[in-house]
Amino acid sequence: MGQTLGDVMGYAAGVAISPLPIVAVILILATPRARLNGTLFVIGWLVGLSALGVVMLVIGGSAGSSTGKQPATWVGGLKTGLGILLVLFAVRHWRRRPADASQAQLPKWMAAVDRFTPVKTLGLGLALSAANLKNAPLTVAAGATISSSGIPAGQQAASLAVFVAIASLGLLVPLAAFLLMGERARRTLDSWKDWAVRHNTAVMAVLFFVLGLKLLGDGIGILA
């Protein structure tokens, strides 16, 4: 299990460093229903990552976990494809980055988070985890890695739980700071939000590129 956790920690860190979801949770924590909506947003995020990971564990179990001590061939093909996809996303993001970071703008939907209902906030958390262009491929890769490791089902579930916990730190930390400190955490959270807004595109491009190369290398290594 230790080897499996080591293999997925890079993916978990990549998911945790997600500027837009971090900005979203901080904006939600500035609304009148901060405690309820902030908690629901994080729950949606956790459920989204967990569900996607469980799907991959089920698929991996039915597809055959490994051949000897090596991951199954399908895992290599999946990681290679995801790696290529992330590298392409990296190029796209880098070309679209603003020349002046201070001119970076948030998506228009973020201006309406203060009017989101609890159900819509929960759905937003789900979408930003399971349907995100970076988080979904990394979660799929992590699930495939765990399912192909050959460890018992209980250890696979525990490995996925650790992955989800680490991958959620970017949201859990702001939420915990707000719940424990209230308005005293506002200045710190605002500074985190401002930094994430300014550097979102560049950070995403670098993460896409680095993690894409890692997936590509892992996939080619399995196929070879």
Protein backbone atom coordinates (compact mmCIF):
# COMPACT_ATOMS: atom_id res chain seq x y z
CA MET A 1 0.00 0.00 0.00
CA GLY A 2 2.89 2.35 0.75
CA GLN A 3 4.19 2.05 -2.80
CA THR A 4 0.73 2.75 -4.19
CA LEU A 5 0.35 5.87 -2.04
CA GLY A 6 3.71 7.10 -3.22
CA ASP A 7 2.63 6.61 -6.83
CA VAL A 8 -0.53 8.71 -6.44
CA MET A 9 0.73 11.51 -4.20
CA GLY A 10 1.92 13.53 -7.19
CA TYR A 11 -1.54 13.35 -8.72
CA ALA A 12 -3.11 14.34 -5.39
CA ALA A 13 -0.83 17.38 -5.11
CA GLY A 14 -1.72 18.37 -8.66
CA VAL A 15 -5.43 18.30 -7.84
CA ALA A 16 -4.92 20.17 -4.55
CA ILE A 17 -3.18 23.04 -6.36
CA SER A 18 -6.29 24.17 -8.22
CA PRO A 19 -6.50 27.99 -8.25
CA LEU A 20 -10.09 28.36 -9.48
CA PRO A 21 -11.70 26.02 -6.90
CA ILE A 22 -9.65 27.74 -4.17
CA VAL A 23 -10.90 31.14 -5.37
CA ALA A 24 -14.45 29.77 -5.56
CA VAL A 25 -14.47 28.50 -1.97
CA ILE A 26 -13.02 31.78 -0.68
CA LEU A 27 -15.69 33.76 -2.54
CA ILE A 28 -18.38 31.46 -1.13
CA LEU A 29 -16.98 32.01 2.37
CA ALA A 30 -17.59 35.74 1.89
CA THR A 31 -21.33 35.26 1.30
CA PRO A 32 -24.13 35.49 3.90
CA ARG A 33 -24.53 31.69 3.91
CA ALA A 34 -20.80 31.11 4.18
CA ARG A 35 -20.82 28.24 6.67
CA LEU A 36 -23.56 26.23 4.93
CA ASN A 37 -22.55 26.87 1.33
CA GLY A 38 -18.83 26.60 2.03
CA THR A 39 -19.31 23.23 3.69
CA LEU A 40 -21.60 22.00 0.89
CA PHE A 41 -19.13 23.13 -1.76
CA VAL A 42 -16.35 21.11 -0.14
CA ILE A 43 -18.67 18.11 0.31
CA GLY A 44 -19.53 18.28 -3.38
CA TRP A 45 -15.82 18.36 -4.20
CA LEU A 46 -15.10 15.35 -1.98
CA VAL A 47 -18.02 13.37 -3.42
CA GLY A 48 -16.96 14.17 -6.99
CA LEU A 49 -13.37 13.03 -6.51
CA SER A 50 -14.45 9.95 -4.55
CA ALA A 51 -17.07 8.89 -7.11
CA LEU A 52 -14.65 9.24 -10.01
CA GLY A 53 -12.00 7.29 -8.11
CA VAL A 54 -14.45 4.52 -7.19
CA VAL A 55 -15.51 4.19 -10.83
CA MET A 56 -11.89 3.65 -11.81
CA LEU A 57 -11.42 1.07 -9.04
CA VAL A 58 -14.44 -0.86 -10.34
CA ILE A 59 -13.28 -0.63 -13.95
CA GLY A 60 -9.77 -1.65 -12.96
CA GLY A 61 -11.05 -4.60 -10.98
CA SER A 62 -13.11 -5.87 -13.90
CA ALA A 63 -10.38 -5.20 -16.47
CA GLY A 64 -7.65 -7.09 -14.63
CA SER A 65 -5.41 -5.34 -12.17
CA SER A 66 -1.97 -6.40 -13.23
CA THR A 67 0.22 -8.88 -15.03
CA GLY A 68 2.73 -10.23 -12.58
CA LYS A 69 4.15 -7.21 -10.82
CA GLN A 70 3.52 -4.85 -13.71
CA PRO A 71 0.37 -2.73 -14.25
CA ALA A 72 -1.99 -3.96 -16.92
CA THR A 73 -1.45 -2.73 -20.47
CA TRP A 74 -4.69 -0.73 -20.43
CA VAL A 75 -3.29 1.40 -17.60
CA GLY A 76 -0.29 2.31 -19.76
CA GLY A 77 -2.54 3.27 -22.66
CA LEU A 78 -4.80 5.32 -20.39
CA LYS A 79 -1.90 7.22 -18.80
CA THR A 80 -0.30 7.89 -22.17
CA GLY A 81 -3.54 9.31 -23.53
CA LEU A 82 -4.15 11.45 -20.44
CA GLY A 83 -0.55 12.68 -20.54
CA ILE A 84 -0.88 13.83 -24.14
CA LEU A 85 -4.18 15.52 -23.28
CA LEU A 86 -2.67 17.45 -20.36
CA VAL A 87 0.35 18.58 -22.39
CA LEU A 88 -2.00 19.95 -25.06
CA PHE A 89 -4.00 21.75 -22.37
CA ALA A 90 -0.71 23.19 -21.04
CA VAL A 91 0.14 24.69 -24.43
CA ARG A 92 -3.37 26.10 -24.76
CA HIS A 93 -3.30 27.71 -21.29
CA TRP A 94 0.18 29.15 -21.76
CA ARG A 95 -0.81 30.84 -25.01
CA ARG A 96 -3.90 32.33 -23.36
CA ARG A 97 -2.18 33.67 -20.27
CA PRO A 98 -2.52 37.46 -19.82
CA ALA A 99 0.60 39.53 -20.51
CA ASP A 100 -0.04 41.40 -17.26
CA ALA A 101 -1.03 39.17 -14.34
CA SER A 102 -2.89 42.08 -12.72
CA GLN A 103 -5.33 42.04 -15.66
CA ALA A 104 -6.38 38.43 -15.07
CA GLN A 105 -10.14 38.00 -14.84
CA LEU A 106 -12.33 35.44 -13.15
CA PRO A 107 -14.99 33.43 -15.03
CA LYS A 108 -18.27 35.32 -15.16
CA TRP A 109 -20.14 32.69 -13.13
CA MET A 110 -17.99 33.49 -10.10
CA ALA A 111 -19.63 36.89 -9.82
CA ALA A 112 -22.91 35.13 -8.98
CA VAL A 113 -21.72 32.77 -6.21
CA ASP A 114 -23.28 34.98 -3.55
CA ARG A 115 -26.69 34.12 -5.07
CA PHE A 116 -26.10 30.37 -5.36
CA THR A 117 -28.54 28.12 -3.54
CA PRO A 118 -27.16 25.33 -1.35
CA VAL A 119 -28.03 22.76 -4.04
CA LYS A 120 -26.30 24.77 -6.75
CA THR A 121 -23.25 25.23 -4.53
CA LEU A 122 -23.08 21.48 -3.95
CA GLY A 123 -23.31 20.93 -7.71
CA LEU A 124 -20.52 23.44 -8.29
CA GLY A 125 -18.25 21.47 -5.99
CA LEU A 126 -19.06 18.30 -7.90
CA ALA A 127 -18.39 19.95 -11.25
CA LEU A 128 -15.08 21.53 -10.27
CA SER A 129 -13.76 18.19 -9.06
CA ALA A 130 -15.15 15.46 -11.31
CA ALA A 131 -15.62 17.50 -14.50
CA ASN A 132 -12.53 19.74 -14.32
CA LEU A 133 -10.05 19.50 -17.22
CA LYS A 134 -7.14 18.96 -14.83
CA ASN A 135 -8.66 17.27 -11.82
CA ALA A 136 -10.66 14.62 -13.67
CA PRO A 137 -7.70 13.19 -15.66
CA LEU A 138 -5.49 13.18 -12.56
CA THR A 139 -8.18 11.45 -10.48
CA VAL A 140 -8.72 8.91 -13.25
CA ALA A 141 -4.97 8.28 -13.37
CA ALA A 142 -4.82 7.89 -9.59
CA GLY A 143 -7.76 5.46 -9.63
CA ALA A 144 -6.16 3.45 -12.41
CA THR A 145 -2.87 3.34 -10.52
CA ILE A 146 -4.57 2.10 -7.35
CA SER A 147 -6.76 -0.45 -9.13
CA SER A 148 -3.80 -1.90 -11.03
CA SER A 149 -1.54 -2.14 -7.98
CA GLY A 150 -2.70 -5.62 -7.02
CA ILE A 151 -3.25 -4.71 -3.35
CA PRO A 152 -6.38 -5.97 -1.53
CA ALA A 153 -9.69 -4.13 -2.00
CA GLY A 154 -9.62 -2.68 1.53
CA GLN A 155 -6.19 -1.18 0.95
CA GLN A 156 -7.32 0.17 -2.42
CA ALA A 157 -10.22 1.94 -0.71
CA ALA A 158 -7.89 3.33 1.95
CA SER A 159 -5.44 4.52 -0.71
CA LEU A 160 -8.25 6.30 -2.56
CA ALA A 161 -9.40 7.92 0.70
CA VAL A 162 -5.88 9.25 1.35
CA PHE A 163 -5.68 10.52 -2.25
CA VAL A 164 -9.00 12.36 -1.91
CA ALA A 165 -7.96 13.89 1.43
CA ILE A 166 -4.64 15.19 0.08
CA ALA A 167 -6.26 16.36 -3.15
CA SER A 168 -8.81 18.36 -1.13
CA LEU A 169 -6.37 20.29 1.06
CA GLY A 170 -6.63 23.35 -1.17
CA LEU A 171 -10.28 23.67 -0.13
CA LEU A 172 -10.20 22.12 3.33
CA VAL A 173 -7.60 24.59 4.61
CA PRO A 174 -9.57 27.77 3.71
CA LEU A 175 -12.80 26.22 5.04
CA ALA A 176 -11.13 25.18 8.31
CA ALA A 177 -9.54 28.61 8.69
CA PHE A 178 -12.93 30.29 8.28
CA LEU A 179 -14.80 27.90 10.58
CA LEU A 180 -12.18 28.22 13.31
CA MET A 181 -11.28 31.91 12.97
CA GLY A 182 -14.32 33.50 11.36
CA GLU A 183 -13.75 37.05 10.15
CA ARG A 184 -10.22 37.03 11.54
CA ALA A 185 -9.27 34.78 8.62
CA ARG A 186 -10.70 37.20 6.05
CA ARG A 187 -7.49 39.11 5.28
CA THR A 188 -5.45 35.94 4.81
CA LEU A 189 -8.11 34.34 2.62
CA ASP A 190 -8.39 37.47 0.50
CA SER A 191 -4.64 37.49 -0.10
CA TRP A 192 -4.78 33.83 -1.17
CA LYS A 193 -7.65 34.63 -3.51
CA ASP A 194 -5.87 37.61 -5.10
CA TRP A 195 -2.73 35.54 -5.73
CA ALA A 196 -4.72 32.67 -7.22
CA VAL A 197 -6.65 35.00 -9.53
CA ARG A 198 -3.48 36.69 -10.82
CA HIS A 199 -1.56 33.50 -11.45
CA ASN A 200 -4.31 31.02 -12.28
CA THR A 201 -3.54 30.60 -15.98
CA ALA A 202 0.24 30.35 -15.56
CA VAL A 203 -0.05 27.92 -12.64
CA MET A 204 -2.48 25.73 -14.56
CA ALA A 205 -0.25 25.72 -17.65
CA VAL A 206 2.81 24.63 -15.64
CA LEU A 207 0.84 21.98 -13.75
CA PHE A 208 -0.70 20.64 -16.94
CA PHE A 209 2.74 20.39 -18.54
CA VAL A 210 4.59 18.79 -15.61
CA LEU A 211 1.84 16.33 -14.73
CA GLY A 212 1.19 15.58 -18.40
CA LEU A 213 4.85 14.65 -18.88
CA LYS A 214 4.70 12.47 -15.76
CA LEU A 215 1.64 10.62 -17.02
CA LEU A 216 3.15 10.30 -20.45
CA GLY A 217 6.37 8.88 -19.02
CA ASP A 218 4.51 6.48 -16.75
CA GLY A 219 2.30 5.31 -19.57
CA ILE A 220 5.15 4.74 -22.01
CA GLY A 221 7.10 2.93 -19.28
CA ILE A 222 4.20 0.50 -18.75
CA LEU A 223 3.64 -0.06 -22.45
CA ALA A 224 7.34 -0.61 -23.09
